[in-house]
């Protein structure tokens, strides 16, 4: 049974002095009547006979206007927009953002959540629910090709930048087989490496950043920081500082 909002009558007539959903009454009448977005989606799911448990989010501040569902390595969250009737949906797998979109139709939200949690691929998901979209990194993750895809994106991005040092660094790192099997990332101005392309990202491998004029800085997990001349020498230092277990790890490990 859904929790009844203070100040909301059984008929769904809101008391504007007590009801935290009163400002949503015109745009989201079914949500106000249900008492929360979670209850409204669960009602829509049950009406369609779908096997899906919809939950409140972990943040108390979003308890009336957000909801989520999860099973195994998959999850999805929904949020109500303020000022316009829009339900915003995001789908995740292994902590990777896989699909996103918005719709005014609560039944579409319920159906999309069920399709995703039941294990549909992202292409099938967006083909069935046209309000959702996906992207190549998500599809690469699903194919088990996230690391090559991340390297390709990193190299393409470096080629577009007017920064010869950064481009030299990316290409020098890509040439090395021990680094090419790791997942590259960019954190602020740092080039990072991880055993996984999905969270949690490794924090114990060397990272580096350009300082300008062909010089680079390499930071190690033990706190050491060293400046190096040239991208090739920088990559060599990173290779020398890699731990013996710096190899790709399967998801969940």
Protein backbone atom coordinates (compact mmCIF):
# COMPACT_ATOMS: atom_id res chain seq x y z
CA UNK A 1 0.00 0.00 0.00
CA UNK A 2 1.40 3.40 -0.92
CA UNK A 3 2.02 5.96 1.79
CA UNK A 4 -0.72 8.59 1.95
CA UNK A 5 0.55 12.13 1.69
CA UNK A 6 -0.32 14.42 4.60
CA UNK A 7 -3.09 16.79 3.53
CA UNK A 8 -4.25 14.70 0.56
CA UNK A 9 -7.78 13.37 0.75
CA UNK A 10 -8.63 9.87 -0.53
CA UNK A 11 -10.12 11.52 -3.61
CA UNK A 12 -6.78 13.11 -4.37
CA UNK A 13 -7.72 16.70 -3.49
CA UNK A 14 -4.52 18.29 -2.23
CA UNK A 15 -4.15 20.67 0.67
CA UNK A 16 -1.65 23.27 -0.64
CA UNK A 17 -0.51 24.08 2.91
CA UNK A 18 0.64 20.53 3.66
CA UNK A 19 1.01 18.61 0.41
CA UNK A 20 4.54 18.55 -1.03
CA UNK A 21 3.04 17.56 -4.40
CA UNK A 22 0.53 20.40 -4.58
CA UNK A 23 2.55 22.32 -7.16
CA UNK A 24 2.45 19.25 -9.44
CA UNK A 25 -1.32 18.75 -9.26
CA UNK A 26 -2.13 20.29 -12.64
CA UNK A 27 0.65 18.58 -14.60
CA UNK A 28 0.74 15.22 -12.81
CA UNK A 29 -2.75 14.52 -11.42
CA UNK A 30 -2.28 10.73 -11.35
CA UNK A 31 0.96 11.11 -9.38
CA UNK A 32 -0.68 13.40 -6.84
CA UNK A 33 -3.59 10.99 -6.50
CA UNK A 34 -1.23 8.04 -5.99
CA UNK A 35 0.83 9.94 -3.42
CA UNK A 36 4.23 9.67 -5.12
CA UNK A 37 5.81 8.93 -8.47
CA UNK A 38 6.83 5.50 -7.18
CA UNK A 39 3.23 4.61 -6.35
CA UNK A 40 1.94 6.00 -9.65
CA UNK A 41 4.40 3.94 -11.70
CA UNK A 42 3.70 0.83 -9.64
CA UNK A 43 -0.01 1.33 -10.31
CA UNK A 44 0.67 1.62 -14.05
CA UNK A 45 2.87 -1.49 -13.95
CA UNK A 46 0.26 -3.51 -12.07
CA UNK A 47 -2.50 -2.33 -14.41
CA UNK A 48 -0.57 -3.76 -17.36
CA UNK A 49 0.13 -7.01 -15.51
CA UNK A 50 3.90 -6.48 -15.62
CA UNK A 51 6.15 -8.16 -13.07
CA UNK A 52 8.18 -5.21 -11.82
CA UNK A 53 8.86 -3.76 -8.38
CA UNK A 54 9.22 0.03 -8.36
CA UNK A 55 11.04 1.56 -5.40
CA UNK A 56 11.61 4.93 -3.81
CA UNK A 57 15.00 6.50 -4.39
CA UNK A 58 17.57 6.51 -1.59
CA UNK A 59 17.40 10.30 -1.27
CA UNK A 60 14.57 11.51 1.01
CA UNK A 61 14.45 14.80 -0.87
CA UNK A 62 13.26 13.00 -4.02
CA UNK A 63 10.81 10.57 -2.40
CA UNK A 64 7.69 12.01 -4.06
CA UNK A 65 9.03 12.98 -7.49
CA UNK A 66 11.54 10.21 -8.31
CA UNK A 67 11.52 6.43 -8.45
CA UNK A 68 13.80 3.55 -9.41
CA UNK A 69 13.86 -0.15 -10.16
CA UNK A 70 16.73 -2.61 -10.26
CA UNK A 71 17.50 -6.28 -10.78
CA UNK A 72 20.90 -7.99 -10.95
CA UNK A 73 23.28 -5.62 -12.77
CA UNK A 74 20.52 -3.42 -14.24
CA UNK A 75 18.71 -0.40 -12.91
CA UNK A 76 16.60 2.50 -14.10
CA UNK A 77 15.51 5.74 -12.52
CA UNK A 78 12.69 8.15 -13.31
CA UNK A 79 12.35 11.83 -12.37
CA UNK A 80 9.49 14.27 -12.82
CA UNK A 81 10.38 17.59 -14.42
CA UNK A 82 9.30 20.80 -12.76
CA UNK A 83 7.28 23.27 -14.83
CA UNK A 84 6.36 20.94 -17.69
CA UNK A 85 4.88 17.45 -17.74
CA UNK A 86 7.91 15.30 -18.49
CA UNK A 87 9.06 11.97 -17.06
CA UNK A 88 12.83 11.63 -17.50
CA UNK A 89 14.13 8.05 -17.69
CA UNK A 90 17.71 6.77 -17.44
CA UNK A 91 18.75 3.12 -17.82
CA UNK A 92 21.97 1.68 -16.40
CA UNK A 93 23.91 -1.59 -16.54
CA UNK A 94 27.00 -2.34 -14.44
CA UNK A 95 27.06 1.33 -13.49
CA UNK A 96 27.23 2.38 -17.16
CA UNK A 97 24.66 4.80 -18.57
CA UNK A 98 22.98 2.83 -21.36
CA UNK A 99 19.89 4.77 -22.47
CA UNK A 100 18.03 7.97 -21.70
CA UNK A 101 14.90 9.83 -22.75
CA UNK A 102 11.74 11.62 -21.69
CA UNK A 103 8.03 11.21 -22.27
CA UNK A 104 4.74 12.63 -21.01
CA UNK A 105 3.16 9.18 -20.93
CA UNK A 106 3.39 7.30 -17.64
CA UNK A 107 2.35 4.01 -19.27
CA UNK A 108 5.34 4.31 -21.61
CA UNK A 109 7.60 4.81 -18.60
CA UNK A 110 6.24 1.66 -16.97
CA UNK A 111 6.64 -0.36 -20.15
CA UNK A 112 10.18 0.84 -20.82
CA UNK A 113 11.28 0.06 -17.27
CA UNK A 114 9.88 -3.45 -17.55
CA UNK A 115 11.53 -4.04 -20.94
CA UNK A 116 14.92 -2.92 -19.64
CA UNK A 117 14.84 -4.83 -16.35
CA UNK A 118 13.74 -7.97 -18.20
CA UNK A 119 17.07 -7.95 -20.05
CA UNK A 120 16.46 -6.38 -23.45
CA UNK A 121 19.47 -5.13 -25.40
CA UNK A 122 19.77 -1.39 -25.82
CA UNK A 123 18.92 -1.49 -29.54
CA UNK A 124 15.80 -3.52 -28.84
CA UNK A 125 14.91 -1.18 -26.00
CA UNK A 126 15.07 2.01 -28.05
CA UNK A 127 13.38 0.32 -31.02
CA UNK A 128 10.40 -0.58 -28.85
CA UNK A 129 10.31 2.68 -26.87
CA UNK A 130 11.04 5.49 -29.30
CA UNK A 131 11.32 8.16 -26.60
CA UNK A 132 14.59 6.56 -25.46
CA UNK A 133 17.97 6.90 -27.15
CA UNK A 134 21.28 5.11 -26.76
CA UNK A 135 24.83 5.71 -28.02
CA UNK A 136 27.83 3.79 -29.31
CA UNK A 137 29.75 3.53 -25.99
CA UNK A 138 26.69 1.87 -24.43
CA UNK A 139 26.39 -0.57 -27.31
CA UNK A 140 30.12 -1.28 -27.13
CA UNK A 141 29.79 -2.02 -23.43
CA UNK A 142 27.00 -4.46 -24.19
CA UNK A 143 29.14 -6.17 -26.85
CA UNK A 144 32.05 -6.48 -24.44
CA UNK A 145 34.08 -4.01 -26.51
CA UNK A 146 34.07 -1.03 -24.16
CA UNK A 147 37.86 -0.69 -23.90
CA UNK A 148 38.54 -0.56 -27.69
CA UNK A 149 35.63 1.87 -28.03
CA UNK A 150 37.03 4.13 -25.32
CA UNK A 151 40.45 4.14 -26.99
CA UNK A 152 38.89 5.03 -30.33
CA UNK A 153 36.95 7.90 -28.77
CA UNK A 154 40.05 9.10 -26.93
CA UNK A 155 42.17 9.08 -30.08
CA UNK A 156 39.50 10.82 -32.16
CA UNK A 157 39.06 13.48 -29.49
CA UNK A 158 42.82 14.03 -29.26
CA UNK A 159 43.07 14.40 -33.03
CA UNK A 160 40.49 17.19 -32.95
CA UNK A 161 42.26 19.13 -30.22
CA UNK A 162 44.86 21.78 -30.95
CA UNK A 163 47.22 20.20 -28.41
CA UNK A 164 50.20 18.35 -29.85
CA UNK A 165 51.41 17.16 -26.43
CA UNK A 166 48.07 15.53 -25.61
CA UNK A 167 47.85 13.88 -29.02
CA UNK A 168 51.43 12.57 -28.74
CA UNK A 169 50.65 11.21 -25.28
CA UNK A 170 47.50 9.38 -26.42
CA UNK A 171 49.16 7.87 -29.46
CA UNK A 172 52.29 6.85 -27.53
CA UNK A 173 50.14 5.13 -24.90
CA UNK A 174 47.99 3.40 -27.52
CA UNK A 175 51.09 1.90 -29.16
CA UNK A 176 51.85 -0.06 -25.98
CA UNK A 177 50.01 -3.42 -25.68
CA UNK A 178 50.00 -3.33 -21.85
CA UNK A 179 48.25 0.04 -21.88
CA UNK A 180 46.02 -0.68 -24.88
CA UNK A 181 44.21 -3.44 -22.95
CA UNK A 182 43.44 -1.03 -20.10
CA UNK A 183 40.54 1.40 -20.18
CA UNK A 184 41.69 4.99 -20.82
CA UNK A 185 39.95 7.95 -19.25
CA UNK A 186 40.28 11.67 -18.85
CA UNK A 187 39.89 13.23 -15.43
CA UNK A 188 40.31 16.99 -15.67
CA UNK A 189 43.70 17.26 -17.43
CA UNK A 190 44.88 13.77 -16.48
CA UNK A 191 45.08 10.67 -18.66
CA UNK A 192 44.07 7.74 -16.46
CA UNK A 193 44.06 3.97 -16.87
CA UNK A 194 41.79 1.36 -15.33
CA UNK A 195 41.46 -2.41 -15.35
CA UNK A 196 37.73 -1.91 -15.91
CA UNK A 197 35.76 0.27 -18.31
CA UNK A 198 32.81 0.24 -15.89
CA UNK A 199 32.70 1.53 -12.31
CA UNK A 200 34.36 1.20 -9.93
CA UNK A 201 37.29 2.67 -11.85
CA UNK A 202 40.75 1.67 -10.60
CA UNK A 203 42.69 4.33 -8.69
CA UNK A 204 45.99 2.50 -8.16
CA UNK A 205 47.52 2.84 -11.64
CA UNK A 206 49.83 5.67 -12.75
CA UNK A 207 48.27 8.70 -14.42
CA UNK A 208 49.76 11.57 -16.38
CA UNK A 209 49.06 15.04 -17.72
CA UNK A 210 50.78 17.44 -20.12
CA UNK A 211 52.52 20.44 -18.58
CA UNK A 212 53.27 22.16 -21.88
CA UNK A 213 56.33 22.43 -24.13
CA UNK A 214 56.71 18.66 -24.37
CA UNK A 215 56.88 18.07 -20.62
CA UNK A 216 54.56 15.77 -18.66
CA UNK A 217 53.80 14.94 -15.06
CA UNK A 218 53.32 11.35 -13.88
CA UNK A 219 51.54 10.63 -10.59
CA UNK A 220 51.73 7.27 -8.82
CA UNK A 221 49.35 5.67 -6.33
CA UNK A 222 51.88 6.02 -3.52
CA UNK A 223 51.84 9.82 -3.90
CA UNK A 224 55.05 10.22 -5.91
CA UNK A 225 54.95 12.79 -8.72
CA UNK A 226 57.64 13.11 -11.37
CA UNK A 227 58.14 15.37 -14.37
CA UNK A 228 59.29 13.85 -17.67
CA UNK A 229 60.43 15.17 -21.04
CA UNK A 230 58.56 13.74 -24.03
CA UNK A 231 55.51 11.55 -24.48
CA UNK A 232 57.52 8.39 -25.18
CA UNK A 233 59.55 8.73 -21.98
CA UNK A 234 56.36 9.45 -20.05
CA UNK A 235 54.70 6.28 -21.32
CA UNK A 236 57.84 4.30 -20.51
CA UNK A 237 57.69 5.58 -16.93
CA UNK A 238 54.03 4.60 -16.67
CA UNK A 239 54.80 1.11 -17.94
CA UNK A 240 57.60 0.79 -15.42
CA UNK A 241 55.23 1.83 -12.64
CA UNK A 242 52.40 -0.55 -13.53
CA UNK A 243 51.75 -3.21 -10.87
CA UNK A 244 52.03 -6.84 -11.93
CA UNK A 245 48.25 -7.28 -11.80
CA UNK A 246 47.56 -4.35 -14.15
CA UNK A 247 45.44 -6.38 -16.51
CA UNK A 248 41.78 -6.18 -17.54
CA UNK A 249 39.32 -7.52 -14.99
CA UNK A 250 35.85 -8.89 -15.62
CA UNK A 251 32.88 -6.88 -14.42
CA UNK A 252 32.11 -7.37 -10.77
CA UNK A 253 35.67 -8.25 -9.79
